[in-house]
Amino acid sequence: MLARIANFAIGVGQRLTPWFVRRLVRSGDGATAIEFALIAPPFLAMLVAILETGMVFFFQQVLQTSTTQAARLIMTGQAQTQKLTSAQFVQDVCSDAGALFNCANLYANVQTFTSFSGMSMGSPVQNGTFSSSNLSFSPGGPGDIVLVQVFYQLPVSTAPLGFSLASTNTGNALLMATSVFRNEPYQ
């Protein structure tokens, strides 16, 4: 009895639905397009996130190399004898990096310490906002221990995708390169 009712309902359902809807439901031709439409957006978002993460690692390595090269000016006493300012030191870092960086987003913090154990690294990010007001430039003298930190605000675009690499409220990833050394005994 139940089977006859089910068959009758199927027959009524087939008569009430238009022929093109029945044909569309039975056809498998558009299945690939629908599957692609479901899979493509997350795949492309993941691809963009992977590429941007690789780009951030590349920028970080270039920043670290440029900072190490520019820090040699302080370590050898050239920065002190030429009386380099913070802006000139940042320009040296930027020129070592080539045309890769926007120098307006590059900041340096150079501090002098008496011992390695007494060092403290500062962060220019307070409550998610970058502030260059507490950065200093003190290259020290012969034999001094110097901490060089260079910060770069790299604009990232993955925030709308939910893979935010940003570390500031402005949507920028804050990259930091550090070099610690004892100044040579220059004259």
N, C-alpha and C. Protein backbone atom coordinates (compact mmCIF):
# COMPACT_ATOMS: atom_id res chain seq x y z
N MET A 1 0.81 -1.19 0.00
CA MET A 1 0.00 0.00 0.00
C MET A 1 0.86 1.26 0.00
N LEU A 2 1.89 1.28 0.85
CA LEU A 2 2.77 2.42 0.96
C LEU A 2 3.53 2.66 -0.35
N ALA A 3 3.91 1.57 -1.01
CA ALA A 3 4.64 1.71 -2.27
C ALA A 3 3.76 2.34 -3.33
N ARG A 4 2.46 1.99 -3.37
CA ARG A 4 1.55 2.57 -4.35
C ARG A 4 1.36 4.06 -4.11
N ILE A 5 1.31 4.46 -2.85
CA ILE A 5 1.18 5.89 -2.53
C ILE A 5 2.43 6.64 -2.97
N ALA A 6 3.60 6.04 -2.72
CA ALA A 6 4.86 6.69 -3.11
C ALA A 6 4.94 6.82 -4.62
N ASN A 7 4.57 5.77 -5.36
CA ASN A 7 4.59 5.84 -6.82
C ASN A 7 3.62 6.89 -7.33
N PHE A 8 2.43 6.97 -6.71
CA PHE A 8 1.46 7.97 -7.12
C PHE A 8 2.01 9.39 -6.90
N ALA A 9 2.69 9.60 -5.74
CA ALA A 9 3.25 10.92 -5.43
C ALA A 9 4.36 11.28 -6.42
N ILE A 10 5.15 10.30 -6.79
CA ILE A 10 6.21 10.55 -7.78
C ILE A 10 5.60 10.92 -9.12
N GLY A 11 4.55 10.19 -9.52
CA GLY A 11 3.87 10.48 -10.79
C GLY A 11 3.28 11.88 -10.78
N VAL A 12 2.64 12.27 -9.69
CA VAL A 12 2.05 13.60 -9.59
C VAL A 12 3.16 14.65 -9.62
N GLY A 13 4.28 14.37 -8.92
CA GLY A 13 5.39 15.31 -8.89
C GLY A 13 5.98 15.50 -10.27
N GLN A 14 6.06 14.41 -11.05
CA GLN A 14 6.61 14.53 -12.40
C GLN A 14 5.67 15.32 -13.30
N ARG A 15 4.38 15.16 -13.12
CA ARG A 15 3.44 15.90 -13.96
C ARG A 15 3.41 17.39 -13.60
N LEU A 16 3.66 17.72 -12.31
CA LEU A 16 3.59 19.13 -11.89
C LEU A 16 4.87 19.91 -12.21
N THR A 17 6.03 19.24 -12.32
CA THR A 17 7.26 19.95 -12.63
C THR A 17 7.44 20.03 -14.13
N PRO A 18 7.90 21.16 -14.61
CA PRO A 18 8.10 21.30 -16.05
C PRO A 18 9.17 20.33 -16.55
N TRP A 19 9.10 20.02 -17.83
CA TRP A 19 10.02 19.05 -18.43
C TRP A 19 11.48 19.50 -18.37
N PHE A 20 11.75 20.81 -18.48
CA PHE A 20 13.13 21.28 -18.47
C PHE A 20 13.76 21.17 -17.08
N VAL A 21 12.96 21.26 -16.03
CA VAL A 21 13.48 21.10 -14.67
C VAL A 21 13.86 19.65 -14.44
N ARG A 22 12.98 18.71 -14.92
CA ARG A 22 13.30 17.28 -14.78
C ARG A 22 14.57 16.94 -15.54
N ARG A 23 14.72 17.52 -16.73
CA ARG A 23 15.90 17.24 -17.55
C ARG A 23 17.17 17.80 -16.90
N LEU A 24 17.06 18.99 -16.33
CA LEU A 24 18.21 19.62 -15.67
C LEU A 24 18.65 18.82 -14.45
N VAL A 25 17.69 18.30 -13.70
CA VAL A 25 18.01 17.53 -12.50
C VAL A 25 18.71 16.23 -12.86
N ARG A 26 18.29 15.58 -13.95
CA ARG A 26 18.88 14.31 -14.37
C ARG A 26 20.23 14.49 -15.04
N SER A 27 20.47 15.64 -15.66
CA SER A 27 21.70 15.86 -16.41
C SER A 27 22.87 16.10 -15.47
N GLY A 28 24.05 15.59 -15.81
CA GLY A 28 25.27 15.79 -15.03
C GLY A 28 26.25 16.71 -15.72
N ASP A 29 25.84 17.39 -16.79
CA ASP A 29 26.75 18.22 -17.57
C ASP A 29 27.26 19.43 -16.80
N GLY A 30 26.48 20.05 -15.97
CA GLY A 30 26.90 21.25 -15.25
C GLY A 30 27.54 20.97 -13.91
N ALA A 31 27.70 19.71 -13.55
CA ALA A 31 28.25 19.36 -12.24
C ALA A 31 29.68 19.89 -12.09
N THR A 32 30.47 19.81 -13.14
CA THR A 32 31.85 20.28 -13.06
C THR A 32 31.89 21.79 -12.84
N ALA A 33 31.03 22.51 -13.53
CA ALA A 33 31.00 23.97 -13.37
C ALA A 33 30.58 24.36 -11.96
N ILE A 34 29.62 23.65 -11.42
CA ILE A 34 29.15 23.95 -10.06
C ILE A 34 30.24 23.61 -9.05
N GLU A 35 30.91 22.48 -9.22
CA GLU A 35 31.99 22.12 -8.31
C GLU A 35 33.12 23.13 -8.38
N PHE A 36 33.45 23.58 -9.58
CA PHE A 36 34.50 24.60 -9.73
C PHE A 36 34.09 25.90 -9.05
N ALA A 37 32.83 26.28 -9.19
CA ALA A 37 32.34 27.51 -8.57
C ALA A 37 32.41 27.43 -7.04
N LEU A 38 32.26 26.23 -6.49
CA LEU A 38 32.34 26.06 -5.05
C LEU A 38 33.78 26.01 -4.55
N ILE A 39 34.68 25.45 -5.34
CA ILE A 39 36.06 25.25 -4.91
C ILE A 39 36.97 26.41 -5.26
N ALA A 40 36.70 27.13 -6.34
CA ALA A 40 37.61 28.17 -6.83
C ALA A 40 37.86 29.31 -5.83
N PRO A 41 36.85 29.92 -5.22
CA PRO A 41 37.14 31.04 -4.31
C PRO A 41 38.04 30.68 -3.13
N PRO A 42 37.79 29.57 -2.40
CA PRO A 42 38.73 29.25 -1.31
C PRO A 42 40.13 28.90 -1.82
N PHE A 43 40.19 28.24 -2.99
CA PHE A 43 41.50 27.91 -3.56
C PHE A 43 42.28 29.16 -3.92
N LEU A 44 41.63 30.11 -4.58
CA LEU A 44 42.31 31.35 -4.96
C LEU A 44 42.70 32.17 -3.73
N ALA A 45 41.84 32.18 -2.70
CA ALA A 45 42.18 32.90 -1.47
C ALA A 45 43.40 32.29 -0.80
N MET A 46 43.45 30.96 -0.79
CA MET A 46 44.61 30.27 -0.20
C MET A 46 45.86 30.54 -1.02
N LEU A 47 45.74 30.57 -2.32
CA LEU A 47 46.88 30.84 -3.20
C LEU A 47 47.42 32.25 -2.96
N VAL A 48 46.53 33.23 -2.84
CA VAL A 48 46.96 34.61 -2.57
C VAL A 48 47.64 34.70 -1.20
N ALA A 49 47.09 34.01 -0.20
CA ALA A 49 47.69 34.03 1.13
C ALA A 49 49.08 33.40 1.13
N ILE A 50 49.26 32.32 0.40
CA ILE A 50 50.57 31.68 0.32
C ILE A 50 51.57 32.60 -0.36
N LEU A 51 51.17 33.21 -1.46
CA LEU A 51 52.07 34.12 -2.17
C LEU A 51 52.44 35.33 -1.32
N GLU A 52 51.47 35.88 -0.60
CA GLU A 52 51.78 37.04 0.24
C GLU A 52 52.66 36.66 1.43
N THR A 53 52.46 35.49 1.99
CA THR A 53 53.33 35.03 3.07
C THR A 53 54.76 34.87 2.58
N GLY A 54 54.93 34.32 1.39
CA GLY A 54 56.26 34.21 0.79
C GLY A 54 56.88 35.58 0.56
N MET A 55 56.06 36.53 0.13
CA MET A 55 56.55 37.88 -0.10
C MET A 55 57.01 38.53 1.22
N VAL A 56 56.26 38.30 2.29
CA VAL A 56 56.64 38.85 3.60
C VAL A 56 57.97 38.25 4.05
N PHE A 57 58.16 36.94 3.87
CA PHE A 57 59.44 36.33 4.24
C PHE A 57 60.59 36.89 3.41
N PHE A 58 60.35 37.14 2.12
CA PHE A 58 61.38 37.71 1.26
C PHE A 58 61.74 39.13 1.72
N PHE A 59 60.73 39.96 2.00
CA PHE A 59 60.99 41.32 2.48
C PHE A 59 61.74 41.29 3.81
N GLN A 60 61.38 40.35 4.69
CA GLN A 60 62.04 40.23 5.99
C GLN A 60 63.52 39.91 5.81
N GLN A 61 63.84 39.00 4.90
CA GLN A 61 65.24 38.64 4.69
C GLN A 61 66.03 39.79 4.10
N VAL A 62 65.45 40.51 3.15
CA VAL A 62 66.14 41.67 2.56
C VAL A 62 66.35 42.75 3.62
N LEU A 63 65.34 42.97 4.47
CA LEU A 63 65.47 43.97 5.54
C LEU A 63 66.58 43.59 6.51
N GLN A 64 66.65 42.30 6.88
CA GLN A 64 67.68 41.85 7.81
C GLN A 64 69.08 42.02 7.21
N THR A 65 69.23 41.66 5.97
CA THR A 65 70.53 41.80 5.30
C THR A 65 70.94 43.28 5.20
N SER A 66 69.99 44.14 4.84
CA SER A 66 70.28 45.58 4.72
C SER A 66 70.64 46.18 6.07
N THR A 67 69.95 45.75 7.12
CA THR A 67 70.23 46.25 8.46
C THR A 67 71.62 45.83 8.92
N THR A 68 71.97 44.58 8.66
CA THR A 68 73.30 44.09 9.04
C THR A 68 74.40 44.87 8.31
N GLN A 69 74.18 45.14 7.03
CA GLN A 69 75.16 45.91 6.25
C GLN A 69 75.29 47.34 6.79
N ALA A 70 74.17 47.99 7.05
CA ALA A 70 74.21 49.37 7.54
C ALA A 70 74.74 49.45 8.97
N ALA A 71 74.50 48.41 9.77
CA ALA A 71 74.99 48.41 11.16
C ALA A 71 76.51 48.37 11.21
N ARG A 72 77.14 47.89 10.17
CA ARG A 72 78.61 47.91 10.12
C ARG A 72 79.16 49.33 10.17
N LEU A 73 78.38 50.30 9.67
CA LEU A 73 78.81 51.70 9.76
C LEU A 73 78.96 52.13 11.21
N ILE A 74 78.07 51.66 12.06
CA ILE A 74 78.13 51.99 13.49
C ILE A 74 79.24 51.20 14.16
N MET A 75 79.30 49.89 13.84
CA MET A 75 80.28 49.01 14.50
C MET A 75 81.72 49.45 14.21
N THR A 76 81.99 49.93 13.02
CA THR A 76 83.36 50.35 12.66
C THR A 76 83.64 51.80 13.01
N GLY A 77 82.63 52.53 13.49
CA GLY A 77 82.83 53.92 13.91
C GLY A 77 82.63 54.93 12.79
N GLN A 78 82.30 54.48 11.60
CA GLN A 78 82.09 55.41 10.49
C GLN A 78 80.89 56.32 10.73
N ALA A 79 79.82 55.77 11.30
CA ALA A 79 78.63 56.58 11.58
C ALA A 79 78.92 57.66 12.61
N GLN A 80 79.75 57.33 13.61
CA GLN A 80 80.06 58.30 14.66
C GLN A 80 80.99 59.39 14.14
N THR A 81 82.00 59.01 13.37
CA THR A 81 82.94 60.02 12.88
C THR A 81 82.32 60.91 11.81
N GLN A 82 81.38 60.37 11.04
CA GLN A 82 80.69 61.18 10.03
C GLN A 82 79.47 61.89 10.60
N LYS A 83 79.17 61.63 11.90
CA LYS A 83 78.03 62.23 12.60
C LYS A 83 76.71 61.99 11.85
N LEU A 84 76.47 60.71 11.52
CA LEU A 84 75.23 60.34 10.84
C LEU A 84 74.03 60.55 11.75
N THR A 85 72.96 61.03 11.18
CA THR A 85 71.69 61.16 11.91
C THR A 85 70.86 59.90 11.68
N SER A 86 69.76 59.83 12.40
CA SER A 86 68.87 58.68 12.23
C SER A 86 68.33 58.61 10.81
N ALA A 87 67.97 59.74 10.24
CA ALA A 87 67.44 59.77 8.86
C ALA A 87 68.49 59.31 7.86
N GLN A 88 69.75 59.70 8.08
CA GLN A 88 70.81 59.27 7.17
C GLN A 88 71.08 57.78 7.31
N PHE A 89 70.98 57.25 8.53
CA PHE A 89 71.16 55.82 8.74
C PHE A 89 70.04 55.03 8.07
N VAL A 90 68.81 55.52 8.20
CA VAL A 90 67.67 54.87 7.53
C VAL A 90 67.86 54.91 6.03
N GLN A 91 68.39 56.02 5.52
CA GLN A 91 68.66 56.12 4.08
C GLN A 91 69.70 55.09 3.64
N ASP A 92 70.72 54.84 4.49
CA ASP A 92 71.72 53.82 4.17
C ASP A 92 71.09 52.43 4.12
N VAL A 93 70.21 52.15 5.08
CA VAL A 93 69.49 50.86 5.08
C VAL A 93 68.66 50.74 3.81
N CYS A 94 67.96 51.81 3.47
CA CYS A 94 67.09 51.80 2.29
C CYS A 94 67.89 51.63 1.00
N SER A 95 69.05 52.28 0.92
CA SER A 95 69.87 52.14 -0.29
C SER A 95 70.47 50.75 -0.41
N ASP A 96 70.76 50.09 0.72
CA ASP A 96 71.25 48.71 0.68
C ASP A 96 70.16 47.75 0.20
N ALA A 97 68.90 48.10 0.46
CA ALA A 97 67.79 47.23 0.06
C ALA A 97 67.41 47.41 -1.39
N GLY A 98 67.97 48.41 -2.05
CA GLY A 98 67.60 48.66 -3.43
C GLY A 98 66.27 49.39 -3.50
N ALA A 99 65.54 49.19 -4.57
CA ALA A 99 64.27 49.88 -4.77
C ALA A 99 63.10 49.09 -4.22
N LEU A 100 63.38 48.12 -3.36
CA LEU A 100 62.33 47.24 -2.85
C LEU A 100 61.45 47.90 -1.81
N PHE A 101 62.01 48.78 -1.00
CA PHE A 101 61.28 49.38 0.11
C PHE A 101 60.86 50.81 -0.18
N ASN A 102 59.76 51.21 0.43
CA ASN A 102 59.36 52.61 0.46
C ASN A 102 60.01 53.20 1.70
N CYS A 103 60.98 54.07 1.51
CA CYS A 103 61.78 54.57 2.64
C CYS A 103 60.95 55.35 3.66
N ALA A 104 59.78 55.83 3.27
CA ALA A 104 58.92 56.55 4.21
C ALA A 104 58.36 55.62 5.29
N ASN A 105 58.33 54.32 5.04
CA ASN A 105 57.81 53.35 6.01
C ASN A 105 58.92 52.65 6.78
N LEU A 106 60.14 53.17 6.73
CA LEU A 106 61.30 52.56 7.36
C LEU A 106 61.73 53.41 8.55
N TYR A 107 61.95 52.77 9.71
CA TYR A 107 62.33 53.49 10.93
C TYR A 107 63.46 52.74 11.62
N ALA A 108 64.35 53.48 12.28
CA ALA A 108 65.47 52.86 12.99
C ALA A 108 65.45 53.24 14.46
N ASN A 109 65.86 52.28 15.28
CA ASN A 109 66.00 52.48 16.71
C ASN A 109 67.39 51.96 17.09
N VAL A 110 68.29 52.86 17.48
CA VAL A 110 69.66 52.48 17.82
C VAL A 110 69.89 52.87 19.28
N GLN A 111 70.23 51.86 20.10
CA GLN A 111 70.42 52.09 21.54
C GLN A 111 71.79 51.57 21.96
N THR A 112 72.36 52.20 22.98
CA THR A 112 73.65 51.80 23.52
C THR A 112 73.45 51.25 24.92
N PHE A 113 74.15 50.13 25.22
CA PHE A 113 74.06 49.49 26.53
C PHE A 113 75.46 49.22 27.06
N THR A 114 75.55 49.02 28.37
CA THR A 114 76.85 48.75 28.98
C THR A 114 77.14 47.25 29.07
N SER A 115 76.09 46.42 29.03
CA SER A 115 76.30 44.97 29.07
C SER A 115 75.21 44.28 28.23
N PHE A 116 75.53 43.08 27.80
CA PHE A 116 74.56 42.33 27.02
C PHE A 116 73.35 41.90 27.87
N SER A 117 73.60 41.65 29.14
CA SER A 117 72.50 41.20 30.01
C SER A 117 71.52 42.33 30.35
N GLY A 118 71.95 43.57 30.23
CA GLY A 118 71.08 44.69 30.55
C GLY A 118 70.27 45.22 29.38
N MET A 119 70.28 44.49 28.26
CA MET A 119 69.59 44.97 27.05
C MET A 119 68.09 44.75 27.15
N SER A 120 67.37 45.67 26.58
CA SER A 120 65.92 45.51 26.45
C SER A 120 65.51 46.04 25.08
N MET A 121 64.74 45.22 24.37
CA MET A 121 64.31 45.61 23.03
C MET A 121 62.95 46.29 23.14
N GLY A 122 62.85 47.46 22.58
CA GLY A 122 61.60 48.20 22.60
C GLY A 122 60.74 47.86 21.40
N SER A 123 59.47 48.11 21.55
CA SER A 123 58.53 47.89 20.44
C SER A 123 57.82 49.21 20.16
N PRO A 124 57.78 49.62 18.90
CA PRO A 124 57.10 50.88 18.58
C PRO A 124 55.59 50.72 18.42
N VAL A 125 55.06 49.53 18.67
CA VAL A 125 53.62 49.30 18.53
C VAL A 125 53.00 49.32 19.92
N GLN A 126 52.11 50.26 20.14
CA GLN A 126 51.38 50.37 21.40
C GLN A 126 49.89 50.29 21.10
N ASN A 127 49.21 49.31 21.63
CA ASN A 127 47.77 49.10 21.41
C ASN A 127 47.42 49.01 19.93
N GLY A 128 48.28 48.35 19.16
CA GLY A 128 48.02 48.15 17.75
C GLY A 128 48.37 49.31 16.85
N THR A 129 48.90 50.40 17.42
CA THR A 129 49.24 51.57 16.63
C THR A 129 50.75 51.78 16.63
N PHE A 130 51.32 51.98 15.45
CA PHE A 130 52.76 52.22 15.33
C PHE A 130 53.05 53.67 15.69
N SER A 131 54.08 53.86 16.53
CA SER A 131 54.48 55.20 16.93
C SER A 131 56.00 55.28 16.91
N SER A 132 56.53 56.22 16.16
CA SER A 132 57.98 56.37 16.09
C SER A 132 58.50 57.35 17.13
N SER A 133 57.65 57.80 18.04
CA SER A 133 58.07 58.82 19.02
C SER A 133 59.05 58.28 20.06
N ASN A 134 59.01 56.97 20.36
CA ASN A 134 59.91 56.44 21.38
C ASN A 134 61.15 55.77 20.78
N LEU A 135 61.45 56.05 19.49
CA LEU A 135 62.65 55.53 18.87
C LEU A 135 63.80 56.51 19.07
N SER A 136 65.00 55.98 19.24
CA SER A 136 66.16 56.85 19.48
C SER A 136 67.30 56.47 18.53
N PHE A 137 68.30 57.30 18.50
CA PHE A 137 69.50 57.03 17.70
C PHE A 137 70.71 57.40 18.53
N SER A 138 71.31 56.37 19.15
CA SER A 138 72.49 56.57 19.99
C SER A 138 73.52 55.50 19.62
N PRO A 139 74.43 55.81 18.66
CA PRO A 139 75.36 54.78 18.19
C PRO A 139 76.51 54.45 19.14
N GLY A 140 76.67 55.22 20.20
CA GLY A 140 77.69 54.91 21.20
C GLY A 140 79.10 55.23 20.74
N GLY A 141 80.05 54.77 21.55
CA GLY A 141 81.46 55.01 21.27
C GLY A 141 82.22 53.70 21.14
N PRO A 142 83.55 53.78 21.11
CA PRO A 142 84.36 52.57 20.99
C PRO A 142 84.13 51.61 22.15
N GLY A 143 83.90 50.34 21.85
CA GLY A 143 83.70 49.32 22.88
C GLY A 143 82.28 49.24 23.44
N ASP A 144 81.40 50.13 23.05
CA ASP A 144 80.02 50.09 23.55
C ASP A 144 79.23 48.96 22.88
N ILE A 145 78.24 48.48 23.59
CA ILE A 145 77.33 47.46 23.04
C ILE A 145 76.15 48.19 22.44
N VAL A 146 75.85 47.87 21.19
CA VAL A 146 74.82 48.60 20.45
C VAL A 146 73.74 47.63 19.95
N LEU A 147 72.51 48.04 20.11
CA LEU A 147 71.35 47.31 19.58
C LEU A 147 70.77 48.16 18.45
N VAL A 148 70.73 47.60 17.26
CA VAL A 148 70.15 48.28 16.10
C VAL A 148 68.88 47.53 15.72
N GLN A 149 67.76 48.24 15.72
CA GLN A 149 66.48 47.69 15.28
C GLN A 149 65.99 48.55 14.12
N VAL A 150 65.59 47.90 13.05
CA VAL A 150 65.01 48.61 11.91
C VAL A 150 63.62 48.04 11.70
N PHE A 151 62.64 48.93 11.62
CA PHE A 151 61.24 48.54 11.45
C PHE A 151 60.75 48.97 10.08
N TYR A 152 59.93 48.12 9.46
CA TYR A 152 59.34 48.46 8.18
C TYR A 152 57.86 48.07 8.20
N GLN A 153 57.02 49.03 7.82
CA GLN A 153 55.58 48.75 7.74
C GLN A 153 55.25 48.31 6.32
N LEU A 154 55.03 47.02 6.15
CA LEU A 154 54.75 46.45 4.84
C LEU A 154 53.24 46.34 4.64
N PRO A 155 52.70 47.01 3.63
CA PRO A 155 51.27 46.88 3.37
C PRO A 155 50.93 45.45 2.91
N VAL A 156 49.91 44.86 3.50
CA VAL A 156 49.46 43.52 3.12
C VAL A 156 48.01 43.58 2.68
N SER A 157 47.63 42.66 1.82
CA SER A 157 46.28 42.70 1.25
C SER A 157 45.44 41.49 1.60
N THR A 158 45.92 40.60 2.44
CA THR A 158 45.15 39.39 2.75
C THR A 158 44.17 39.57 3.90
N ALA A 159 44.10 40.74 4.49
CA ALA A 159 43.19 40.94 5.62
C ALA A 159 41.73 40.65 5.26
N PRO A 160 41.23 41.05 4.08
CA PRO A 160 39.84 40.71 3.76
C PRO A 160 39.60 39.21 3.60
N LEU A 161 40.67 38.44 3.36
CA LEU A 161 40.53 37.01 3.17
C LEU A 161 40.52 36.25 4.49
N GLY A 162 40.81 36.91 5.59
CA GLY A 162 40.82 36.25 6.88
C GLY A 162 42.17 35.66 7.23
N PHE A 163 43.21 35.90 6.43
CA PHE A 163 44.54 35.40 6.70
C PHE A 163 45.44 36.54 7.11
N SER A 164 44.97 37.45 7.90
CA SER A 164 45.66 38.71 8.14
C SER A 164 47.07 38.51 8.68
N LEU A 165 48.03 39.05 7.97
CA LEU A 165 49.41 39.09 8.42
C LEU A 165 49.71 40.42 9.10
N ALA A 166 48.71 41.27 9.19
CA ALA A 166 48.90 42.61 9.72
C ALA A 166 49.13 42.56 11.23
N SER A 167 50.04 43.41 11.69
CA SER A 167 50.31 43.48 13.12
C SER A 167 50.02 44.88 13.67
N THR A 168 49.46 45.75 12.83
CA THR A 168 49.06 47.08 13.28
C THR A 168 47.61 47.32 12.88
N ASN A 169 47.01 48.33 13.47
CA ASN A 169 45.62 48.65 13.14
C ASN A 169 45.45 49.18 11.73
N THR A 170 46.54 49.62 11.12
CA THR A 170 46.46 50.19 9.77
C THR A 170 46.49 49.12 8.69
N GLY A 171 46.59 47.86 9.06
CA GLY A 171 46.60 46.78 8.09
C GLY A 171 47.98 46.51 7.51
N ASN A 172 49.02 46.96 8.17
CA ASN A 172 50.39 46.72 7.72
C ASN A 172 51.02 45.63 8.57
N ALA A 173 51.89 44.85 7.94
CA ALA A 173 52.71 43.90 8.69
C ALA A 173 53.97 44.64 9.13
N LEU A 174 54.27 44.59 10.40
CA LEU A 174 55.45 45.28 10.91
C LEU A 174 56.62 44.30 10.90
N LEU A 175 57.58 44.54 10.03
CA LEU A 175 58.78 43.72 9.95
C LEU A 175 59.87 44.37 10.79
N MET A 176 60.68 43.54 11.46
CA MET A 176 61.74 44.07 12.30
C MET A 176 63.02 43.29 12.05
N ALA A 177 64.10 44.01 11.83
CA ALA A 177 65.42 43.41 11.70
C ALA A 177 66.27 43.91 12.86
N THR A 178 67.08 43.04 13.43
CA THR A 178 67.86 43.37 14.61
C THR A 178 69.32 42.99 14.42
N SER A 179 70.18 43.81 14.92
CA SER A 179 71.61 43.52 14.92
C SER A 179 72.18 43.99 16.26
N VAL A 180 72.90 43.12 16.94
CA VAL A 180 73.50 43.44 18.23
C VAL A 180 75.00 43.17 18.14
N PHE A 181 75.81 44.11 18.60
CA PHE A 181 77.26 43.96 18.47
C PHE A 181 77.95 44.88 19.45
N ARG A 182 79.27 44.66 19.59
CA ARG A 182 80.12 45.56 20.36
C ARG A 182 80.92 46.39 19.36
N ASN A 183 80.90 47.70 19.54
CA ASN A 183 81.64 48.58 18.63
C ASN A 183 83.14 48.25 18.67
N GLU A 184 83.76 48.38 17.52
CA GLU A 184 85.22 48.18 17.44
C GLU A 184 85.93 49.37 18.08
N PRO A 185 87.17 49.17 18.50
CA PRO A 185 87.92 50.29 19.11
C PRO A 185 88.49 51.22 18.03
N TYR A 186 87.63 52.03 17.47
CA TYR A 186 88.03 52.95 16.41
C TYR A 186 88.62 54.22 17.02
N GLN A 187 89.27 55.03 16.21
CA GLN A 187 89.87 56.28 16.69
C GLN A 187 88.98 57.45 16.38
